[in-house]
Amino acid sequence: MEESSLRFWIIPVICLVVVIGIFASVLAYQFNVAMPNAVVEMEELRKMSCDQIKEKNAVNRYWSKTNSEYGNNKAKGCTDAEMAIKQAEQKRIDKLLADPNSLESLSRDLKKFQDLYDSYQELYQTHSSEAKILKQNVTDFENQINRIKIQLSQEYGVN
């Protein structure tokens, strides 16, 4: 009977020791590796530029949840700032384009005119070369008709 009760307690005690060992190693990892790395990472995050923080945030590998939240917020702030700059620039360009005498408006109109001119120039060159070919064909045809008329009048006396 003693043997079976001893066997009964051996398995739970071994499991308890294994669980305590795993728990101790996880805690040691957290205190010795993760927490110091999270502090170093936070300092690096504070020094990063917008491009660097976006790149880091795209990978989304942080040492702590706090660092992850800070990185997400900083990346969102960078994106919001870029959007605000783009919107302000677009408003400025729209305002300049609304003035018909501004350099931007005149440049835009010149570009449109140049594109239109280039497209018509291509069409003109195409039609011009086709007209030359057609004129040459008509001339060749008329010459052929004249030769046939001359040949008919010489051989058969037909005008």
N, C-alpha and C. Protein backbone atom coordinates (compact mmCIF):
# COMPACT_ATOMS: atom_id res chain seq x y z
N MET A 1 0.81 -1.18 0.00
CA MET A 1 0.00 0.00 0.00
C MET A 1 0.86 1.25 0.00
N GLU A 2 1.94 1.20 0.74
CA GLU A 2 2.83 2.35 0.79
C GLU A 2 3.43 2.64 -0.57
N GLU A 3 3.73 1.61 -1.30
CA GLU A 3 4.32 1.81 -2.62
C GLU A 3 3.36 2.52 -3.55
N SER A 4 2.10 2.17 -3.56
CA SER A 4 1.15 2.81 -4.45
C SER A 4 0.91 4.26 -4.04
N SER A 5 0.92 4.56 -2.75
CA SER A 5 0.73 5.95 -2.33
C SER A 5 1.96 6.77 -2.67
N LEU A 6 3.13 6.15 -2.61
CA LEU A 6 4.36 6.86 -2.99
C LEU A 6 4.34 7.18 -4.48
N ARG A 7 3.92 6.23 -5.28
CA ARG A 7 3.80 6.46 -6.73
C ARG A 7 2.75 7.53 -7.01
N PHE A 8 1.72 7.54 -6.21
CA PHE A 8 0.66 8.51 -6.39
C PHE A 8 1.18 9.94 -6.21
N TRP A 9 2.14 10.18 -5.33
CA TRP A 9 2.65 11.53 -5.04
C TRP A 9 3.85 11.90 -5.92
N ILE A 10 4.53 10.94 -6.52
CA ILE A 10 5.73 11.24 -7.30
C ILE A 10 5.37 12.06 -8.55
N ILE A 11 4.36 11.67 -9.29
CA ILE A 11 4.00 12.35 -10.54
C ILE A 11 3.57 13.80 -10.27
N PRO A 12 2.68 14.08 -9.32
CA PRO A 12 2.33 15.48 -9.06
C PRO A 12 3.51 16.32 -8.58
N VAL A 13 4.39 15.73 -7.78
CA VAL A 13 5.55 16.49 -7.30
C VAL A 13 6.49 16.81 -8.46
N ILE A 14 6.70 15.86 -9.36
CA ILE A 14 7.56 16.11 -10.53
C ILE A 14 6.93 17.20 -11.41
N CYS A 15 5.63 17.11 -11.63
CA CYS A 15 4.94 18.14 -12.43
C CYS A 15 5.07 19.51 -11.76
N LEU A 16 4.91 19.56 -10.45
CA LEU A 16 5.04 20.81 -9.71
C LEU A 16 6.45 21.39 -9.85
N VAL A 17 7.44 20.56 -9.77
CA VAL A 17 8.84 21.00 -9.91
C VAL A 17 9.07 21.54 -11.33
N VAL A 18 8.55 20.85 -12.34
CA VAL A 18 8.72 21.29 -13.73
C VAL A 18 8.02 22.64 -13.95
N VAL A 19 6.80 22.78 -13.44
CA VAL A 19 6.06 24.03 -13.59
C VAL A 19 6.79 25.17 -12.88
N ILE A 20 7.30 24.92 -11.66
CA ILE A 20 8.04 25.95 -10.93
C ILE A 20 9.31 26.31 -11.70
N GLY A 21 9.97 25.34 -12.31
CA GLY A 21 11.18 25.61 -13.10
C GLY A 21 10.87 26.46 -14.33
N ILE A 22 9.79 26.13 -15.02
CA ILE A 22 9.39 26.92 -16.20
C ILE A 22 9.02 28.34 -15.77
N PHE A 23 8.27 28.47 -14.69
CA PHE A 23 7.88 29.78 -14.19
C PHE A 23 9.10 30.61 -13.80
N ALA A 24 10.05 29.97 -13.13
CA ALA A 24 11.27 30.67 -12.71
C ALA A 24 12.08 31.12 -13.94
N SER A 25 12.17 30.27 -14.96
CA SER A 25 12.94 30.66 -16.16
C SER A 25 12.23 31.78 -16.92
N VAL A 26 10.90 31.77 -16.97
CA VAL A 26 10.16 32.85 -17.62
C VAL A 26 10.38 34.16 -16.86
N LEU A 27 10.29 34.11 -15.54
CA LEU A 27 10.53 35.32 -14.75
C LEU A 27 11.96 35.82 -14.92
N ALA A 28 12.92 34.91 -14.92
CA ALA A 28 14.32 35.30 -15.11
C ALA A 28 14.50 35.96 -16.47
N TYR A 29 13.87 35.40 -17.49
CA TYR A 29 13.96 35.98 -18.84
C TYR A 29 13.35 37.39 -18.85
N GLN A 30 12.19 37.54 -18.22
CA GLN A 30 11.53 38.84 -18.20
C GLN A 30 12.39 39.89 -17.48
N PHE A 31 12.94 39.53 -16.33
CA PHE A 31 13.72 40.50 -15.54
C PHE A 31 15.12 40.72 -16.10
N ASN A 32 15.72 39.70 -16.69
CA ASN A 32 17.11 39.82 -17.14
C ASN A 32 17.25 40.19 -18.62
N VAL A 33 16.25 39.91 -19.44
CA VAL A 33 16.37 40.16 -20.87
C VAL A 33 15.32 41.15 -21.36
N ALA A 34 14.07 40.83 -21.19
CA ALA A 34 12.99 41.61 -21.80
C ALA A 34 12.91 43.03 -21.24
N MET A 35 12.92 43.17 -19.92
CA MET A 35 12.77 44.50 -19.33
C MET A 35 13.95 45.42 -19.65
N PRO A 36 15.20 44.97 -19.54
CA PRO A 36 16.31 45.87 -19.93
C PRO A 36 16.28 46.21 -21.42
N ASN A 37 15.93 45.24 -22.26
CA ASN A 37 15.84 45.51 -23.70
C ASN A 37 14.71 46.48 -24.00
N ALA A 38 13.61 46.40 -23.25
CA ALA A 38 12.49 47.30 -23.46
C ALA A 38 12.90 48.74 -23.11
N VAL A 39 13.69 48.91 -22.07
CA VAL A 39 14.15 50.25 -21.69
C VAL A 39 15.06 50.82 -22.78
N VAL A 40 15.98 50.01 -23.28
CA VAL A 40 16.88 50.44 -24.35
C VAL A 40 16.08 50.74 -25.61
N GLU A 41 15.12 49.90 -25.91
CA GLU A 41 14.30 50.10 -27.09
C GLU A 41 13.50 51.40 -27.00
N MET A 42 12.98 51.73 -25.83
CA MET A 42 12.21 52.96 -25.65
C MET A 42 13.09 54.18 -25.92
N GLU A 43 14.33 54.14 -25.47
CA GLU A 43 15.25 55.25 -25.75
C GLU A 43 15.52 55.37 -27.25
N GLU A 44 15.66 54.24 -27.90
CA GLU A 44 15.88 54.26 -29.35
C GLU A 44 14.63 54.78 -30.07
N LEU A 45 13.45 54.39 -29.61
CA LEU A 45 12.21 54.86 -30.23
C LEU A 45 12.08 56.37 -30.12
N ARG A 46 12.49 56.93 -29.00
CA ARG A 46 12.40 58.39 -28.82
C ARG A 46 13.33 59.14 -29.76
N LYS A 47 14.42 58.50 -30.18
CA LYS A 47 15.41 59.15 -31.05
C LYS A 47 15.15 58.90 -32.53
N MET A 48 14.23 57.99 -32.86
CA MET A 48 14.02 57.61 -34.26
C MET A 48 13.29 58.69 -35.05
N SER A 49 13.64 58.76 -36.33
CA SER A 49 12.93 59.66 -37.25
C SER A 49 11.63 58.99 -37.68
N CYS A 50 10.82 59.74 -38.42
CA CYS A 50 9.53 59.19 -38.86
C CYS A 50 9.71 57.97 -39.77
N ASP A 51 10.66 58.05 -40.69
CA ASP A 51 10.87 56.91 -41.59
C ASP A 51 11.31 55.67 -40.82
N GLN A 52 12.19 55.86 -39.86
CA GLN A 52 12.67 54.72 -39.07
C GLN A 52 11.55 54.13 -38.22
N ILE A 53 10.74 54.99 -37.62
CA ILE A 53 9.68 54.48 -36.75
C ILE A 53 8.62 53.77 -37.57
N LYS A 54 8.34 54.27 -38.79
CA LYS A 54 7.38 53.57 -39.65
C LYS A 54 7.90 52.20 -40.04
N GLU A 55 9.18 52.14 -40.35
CA GLU A 55 9.78 50.87 -40.73
C GLU A 55 9.72 49.88 -39.56
N LYS A 56 10.05 50.36 -38.36
CA LYS A 56 10.00 49.50 -37.17
C LYS A 56 8.56 49.10 -36.87
N ASN A 57 7.64 50.01 -37.04
CA ASN A 57 6.24 49.72 -36.75
C ASN A 57 5.66 48.73 -37.76
N ALA A 58 6.17 48.76 -39.00
CA ALA A 58 5.69 47.81 -40.01
C ALA A 58 6.05 46.38 -39.62
N VAL A 59 7.22 46.21 -39.02
CA VAL A 59 7.63 44.89 -38.54
C VAL A 59 6.85 44.51 -37.29
N ASN A 60 6.55 45.52 -36.44
CA ASN A 60 5.73 45.37 -35.23
C ASN A 60 6.32 44.34 -34.26
N ARG A 61 7.62 44.46 -34.02
CA ARG A 61 8.27 43.60 -33.03
C ARG A 61 8.88 44.49 -31.95
N TYR A 62 8.19 44.55 -30.83
CA TYR A 62 8.62 45.38 -29.72
C TYR A 62 8.86 44.49 -28.50
N TRP A 63 9.67 44.99 -27.58
CA TRP A 63 9.98 44.22 -26.38
C TRP A 63 8.89 44.33 -25.32
N SER A 64 8.05 45.34 -25.42
CA SER A 64 6.97 45.46 -24.42
C SER A 64 5.73 46.07 -25.06
N LYS A 65 4.62 45.92 -24.37
CA LYS A 65 3.37 46.48 -24.86
C LYS A 65 3.42 48.01 -24.84
N THR A 66 4.08 48.57 -23.84
CA THR A 66 4.22 50.02 -23.76
C THR A 66 5.00 50.56 -24.96
N ASN A 67 6.06 49.87 -25.33
CA ASN A 67 6.85 50.28 -26.49
C ASN A 67 6.02 50.16 -27.76
N SER A 68 5.22 49.11 -27.85
CA SER A 68 4.37 48.92 -29.02
C SER A 68 3.36 50.06 -29.14
N GLU A 69 2.73 50.44 -28.05
CA GLU A 69 1.77 51.54 -28.06
C GLU A 69 2.46 52.85 -28.43
N TYR A 70 3.65 53.08 -27.86
CA TYR A 70 4.40 54.31 -28.16
C TYR A 70 4.78 54.35 -29.65
N GLY A 71 5.26 53.21 -30.17
CA GLY A 71 5.63 53.15 -31.59
C GLY A 71 4.43 53.36 -32.50
N ASN A 72 3.31 52.75 -32.18
CA ASN A 72 2.09 52.93 -32.98
C ASN A 72 1.63 54.39 -32.96
N ASN A 73 1.65 55.00 -31.78
CA ASN A 73 1.22 56.40 -31.67
C ASN A 73 2.15 57.33 -32.43
N LYS A 74 3.46 57.08 -32.33
CA LYS A 74 4.43 57.93 -33.03
C LYS A 74 4.30 57.75 -34.54
N ALA A 75 4.11 56.53 -35.01
CA ALA A 75 3.94 56.28 -36.45
C ALA A 75 2.65 56.93 -36.94
N LYS A 76 1.58 56.86 -36.15
CA LYS A 76 0.32 57.50 -36.53
C LYS A 76 0.49 59.00 -36.57
N GLY A 77 1.22 59.57 -35.62
CA GLY A 77 1.48 61.01 -35.61
C GLY A 77 2.28 61.43 -36.84
N CYS A 78 3.26 60.62 -37.24
CA CYS A 78 4.04 60.93 -38.44
C CYS A 78 3.16 60.89 -39.68
N THR A 79 2.31 59.89 -39.77
CA THR A 79 1.41 59.76 -40.91
C THR A 79 0.43 60.93 -40.96
N ASP A 80 -0.11 61.31 -39.79
CA ASP A 80 -1.03 62.45 -39.74
C ASP A 80 -0.34 63.74 -40.15
N ALA A 81 0.91 63.92 -39.70
CA ALA A 81 1.66 65.13 -40.06
C ALA A 81 1.92 65.17 -41.57
N GLU A 82 2.28 64.04 -42.15
CA GLU A 82 2.52 63.98 -43.60
C GLU A 82 1.24 64.29 -44.37
N MET A 83 0.12 63.75 -43.92
CA MET A 83 -1.15 64.03 -44.58
C MET A 83 -1.50 65.52 -44.48
N ALA A 84 -1.26 66.12 -43.31
CA ALA A 84 -1.55 67.55 -43.14
C ALA A 84 -0.67 68.39 -44.06
N ILE A 85 0.59 68.01 -44.20
CA ILE A 85 1.49 68.73 -45.10
C ILE A 85 1.02 68.59 -46.55
N LYS A 86 0.63 67.37 -46.95
CA LYS A 86 0.14 67.16 -48.31
C LYS A 86 -1.13 67.97 -48.57
N GLN A 87 -2.03 67.99 -47.60
CA GLN A 87 -3.27 68.75 -47.78
C GLN A 87 -2.99 70.25 -47.88
N ALA A 88 -2.07 70.75 -47.06
CA ALA A 88 -1.73 72.17 -47.12
C ALA A 88 -1.08 72.50 -48.46
N GLU A 89 -0.21 71.62 -48.94
CA GLU A 89 0.43 71.83 -50.23
C GLU A 89 -0.59 71.78 -51.36
N GLN A 90 -1.53 70.85 -51.27
CA GLN A 90 -2.58 70.75 -52.29
C GLN A 90 -3.45 72.00 -52.30
N LYS A 91 -3.79 72.51 -51.11
CA LYS A 91 -4.58 73.74 -51.03
C LYS A 91 -3.82 74.91 -51.65
N ARG A 92 -2.53 74.98 -51.39
CA ARG A 92 -1.70 76.05 -51.95
C ARG A 92 -1.66 75.95 -53.47
N ILE A 93 -1.49 74.75 -53.98
CA ILE A 93 -1.44 74.55 -55.43
C ILE A 93 -2.81 74.87 -56.06
N ASP A 94 -3.88 74.43 -55.40
CA ASP A 94 -5.22 74.73 -55.92
C ASP A 94 -5.46 76.24 -55.98
N LYS A 95 -5.00 76.94 -54.95
CA LYS A 95 -5.16 78.40 -54.92
C LYS A 95 -4.36 79.04 -56.05
N LEU A 96 -3.13 78.56 -56.27
CA LEU A 96 -2.30 79.11 -57.34
C LEU A 96 -2.89 78.79 -58.72
N LEU A 97 -3.43 77.57 -58.86
CA LEU A 97 -4.00 77.20 -60.15
C LEU A 97 -5.31 77.95 -60.44
N ALA A 98 -5.97 78.40 -59.40
CA ALA A 98 -7.21 79.15 -59.59
C ALA A 98 -6.91 80.52 -60.20
N ASP A 99 -5.72 81.08 -59.93
CA ASP A 99 -5.32 82.37 -60.50
C ASP A 99 -4.80 82.12 -61.91
N PRO A 100 -5.47 82.65 -62.94
CA PRO A 100 -5.06 82.36 -64.31
C PRO A 100 -3.71 82.96 -64.70
N ASN A 101 -3.21 83.92 -63.92
CA ASN A 101 -1.93 84.55 -64.25
C ASN A 101 -0.76 84.00 -63.45
N SER A 102 -1.01 83.01 -62.60
CA SER A 102 0.09 82.46 -61.81
C SER A 102 0.98 81.58 -62.68
N LEU A 103 2.21 81.43 -62.24
CA LEU A 103 3.18 80.62 -62.99
C LEU A 103 2.70 79.18 -63.09
N GLU A 104 2.15 78.64 -62.02
CA GLU A 104 1.68 77.26 -62.03
C GLU A 104 0.54 77.07 -63.02
N SER A 105 -0.40 78.03 -63.03
CA SER A 105 -1.53 77.93 -63.95
C SER A 105 -1.05 78.03 -65.39
N LEU A 106 -0.17 78.97 -65.65
CA LEU A 106 0.37 79.12 -67.01
C LEU A 106 1.18 77.90 -67.42
N SER A 107 1.94 77.34 -66.48
CA SER A 107 2.72 76.13 -66.78
C SER A 107 1.80 74.95 -67.10
N ARG A 108 0.72 74.83 -66.33
CA ARG A 108 -0.25 73.76 -66.57
C ARG A 108 -0.87 73.91 -67.96
N ASP A 109 -1.27 75.15 -68.30
CA ASP A 109 -1.88 75.38 -69.60
C ASP A 109 -0.89 75.15 -70.73
N LEU A 110 0.36 75.56 -70.53
CA LEU A 110 1.39 75.32 -71.53
C LEU A 110 1.62 73.83 -71.73
N LYS A 111 1.62 73.07 -70.66
CA LYS A 111 1.80 71.62 -70.74
C LYS A 111 0.64 70.99 -71.52
N LYS A 112 -0.58 71.42 -71.24
CA LYS A 112 -1.74 70.90 -71.98
C LYS A 112 -1.62 71.24 -73.46
N PHE A 113 -1.25 72.49 -73.76
CA PHE A 113 -1.10 72.91 -75.14
C PHE A 113 -0.01 72.10 -75.84
N GLN A 114 1.11 71.90 -75.14
CA GLN A 114 2.22 71.14 -75.72
C GLN A 114 1.80 69.70 -76.01
N ASP A 115 1.07 69.08 -75.08
CA ASP A 115 0.59 67.71 -75.31
C ASP A 115 -0.36 67.66 -76.50
N LEU A 116 -1.26 68.62 -76.58
CA LEU A 116 -2.20 68.68 -77.70
C LEU A 116 -1.46 68.90 -79.01
N TYR A 117 -0.50 69.80 -79.01
CA TYR A 117 0.30 70.08 -80.21
C TYR A 117 1.06 68.83 -80.65
N ASP A 118 1.66 68.14 -79.67
CA ASP A 118 2.42 66.91 -80.00
C ASP A 118 1.50 65.85 -80.61
N SER A 119 0.30 65.70 -80.07
CA SER A 119 -0.61 64.69 -80.62
C SER A 119 -1.05 65.06 -82.03
N TYR A 120 -1.35 66.35 -82.26
CA TYR A 120 -1.73 66.77 -83.61
C TYR A 120 -0.56 66.69 -84.57
N GLN A 121 0.64 66.96 -84.08
CA GLN A 121 1.81 66.87 -84.94
C GLN A 121 2.03 65.44 -85.40
N GLU A 122 1.84 64.48 -84.51
CA GLU A 122 1.96 63.07 -84.89
C GLU A 122 0.91 62.71 -85.94
N LEU A 123 -0.33 63.16 -85.72
CA LEU A 123 -1.39 62.89 -86.70
C LEU A 123 -1.06 63.53 -88.05
N TYR A 124 -0.56 64.77 -88.01
CA TYR A 124 -0.21 65.47 -89.25
C TYR A 124 0.88 64.71 -90.00
N GLN A 125 1.90 64.27 -89.27
CA GLN A 125 2.99 63.54 -89.93
C GLN A 125 2.48 62.22 -90.50
N THR A 126 1.62 61.54 -89.79
CA THR A 126 1.05 60.29 -90.28
C THR A 126 0.24 60.53 -91.54
N HIS A 127 -0.66 61.50 -91.50
CA HIS A 127 -1.50 61.79 -92.67
C HIS A 127 -0.67 62.34 -93.82
N SER A 128 0.34 63.12 -93.51
CA SER A 128 1.20 63.67 -94.56
C SER A 128 1.94 62.56 -95.29
N SER A 129 2.49 61.60 -94.54
CA SER A 129 3.19 60.49 -95.19
C SER A 129 2.22 59.61 -95.97
N GLU A 130 1.00 59.42 -95.44
CA GLU A 130 0.00 58.64 -96.17
C GLU A 130 -0.44 59.38 -97.44
N ALA A 131 -0.53 60.71 -97.37
CA ALA A 131 -0.91 61.50 -98.55
C ALA A 131 0.18 61.41 -99.63
N LYS A 132 1.43 61.43 -99.21
CA LYS A 132 2.54 61.30 -100.17
C LYS A 132 2.49 59.94 -100.86
N ILE A 133 2.23 58.90 -100.08
CA ILE A 133 2.15 57.55 -100.65
C ILE A 133 0.97 57.47 -101.62
N LEU A 134 -0.17 58.04 -101.21
CA LEU A 134 -1.35 58.03 -102.07
C LEU A 134 -1.11 58.82 -103.36
N LYS A 135 -0.46 59.97 -103.25
CA LYS A 135 -0.15 60.78 -104.43
C LYS A 135 0.78 60.02 -105.37
N GLN A 136 1.77 59.34 -104.80
CA GLN A 136 2.69 58.55 -105.63
C GLN A 136 1.95 57.41 -106.34
N ASN A 137 1.03 56.76 -105.61
CA ASN A 137 0.25 55.68 -106.21
C ASN A 137 -0.64 56.20 -107.35
N VAL A 138 -1.28 57.36 -107.13
CA VAL A 138 -2.12 57.94 -108.18
C VAL A 138 -1.27 58.31 -109.40
N THR A 139 -0.11 58.90 -109.16
CA THR A 139 0.79 59.26 -110.25
C THR A 139 1.22 58.01 -111.02
N ASP A 140 1.58 56.97 -110.29
CA ASP A 140 1.97 55.71 -110.94
C ASP A 140 0.80 55.15 -111.76
N PHE A 141 -0.41 55.23 -111.21
CA PHE A 141 -1.59 54.73 -111.90
C PHE A 141 -1.86 55.53 -113.17
N GLU A 142 -1.76 56.86 -113.09
CA GLU A 142 -1.95 57.71 -114.27
C GLU A 142 -0.89 57.42 -115.33
N ASN A 143 0.34 57.24 -114.89
CA ASN A 143 1.42 56.90 -115.85
C ASN A 143 1.13 55.56 -116.51
N GLN A 144 0.63 54.62 -115.75
CA GLN A 144 0.30 53.30 -116.30
C GLN A 144 -0.83 53.43 -117.32
N ILE A 145 -1.84 54.23 -117.01
CA ILE A 145 -2.96 54.46 -117.94
C ILE A 145 -2.44 55.11 -119.22
N ASN A 146 -1.58 56.10 -119.08
CA ASN A 146 -1.02 56.78 -120.26
C ASN A 146 -0.21 55.81 -121.12
N ARG A 147 0.57 54.94 -120.50
CA ARG A 147 1.34 53.96 -121.26
C ARG A 147 0.41 53.00 -121.99
N ILE A 148 -0.66 52.60 -121.32
CA ILE A 148 -1.62 51.70 -121.97
C ILE A 148 -2.30 52.40 -123.14
N LYS A 149 -2.69 53.68 -122.96
CA LYS A 149 -3.31 54.44 -124.05
C LYS A 149 -2.35 54.56 -125.24
N ILE A 150 -1.10 54.88 -124.95
CA ILE A 150 -0.10 55.00 -126.02
C ILE A 150 0.08 53.66 -126.72
N GLN A 151 0.14 52.61 -125.93
CA GLN A 151 0.32 51.28 -126.50
C GLN A 151 -0.89 50.89 -127.36
N LEU A 152 -2.09 51.20 -126.89
CA LEU A 152 -3.30 50.90 -127.66
C LEU A 152 -3.34 51.71 -128.96
N SER A 153 -2.97 52.97 -128.86
CA SER A 153 -3.00 53.78 -130.08
C SER A 153 -1.93 53.35 -131.05
N GLN A 154 -0.80 52.87 -130.60
CA GLN A 154 0.25 52.40 -131.51
C GLN A 154 -0.11 51.07 -132.13
N GLU A 155 -0.63 50.17 -131.34
CA GLU A 155 -0.90 48.82 -131.85
C GLU A 155 -2.23 48.75 -132.60
N TYR A 156 -3.26 49.42 -132.07
CA TYR A 156 -4.60 49.25 -132.66
C TYR A 156 -5.16 50.53 -133.24
N GLY A 157 -4.50 51.63 -133.06
CA GLY A 157 -4.97 52.90 -133.56
C GLY A 157 -6.16 53.44 -132.80
N VAL A 158 -6.34 53.01 -131.56
CA VAL A 158 -7.47 53.45 -130.74
C VAL A 158 -7.01 54.64 -129.90
N ASN A 159 -7.87 55.66 -129.89
CA ASN A 159 -7.53 56.83 -129.06
C ASN A 159 -8.19 56.75 -127.73
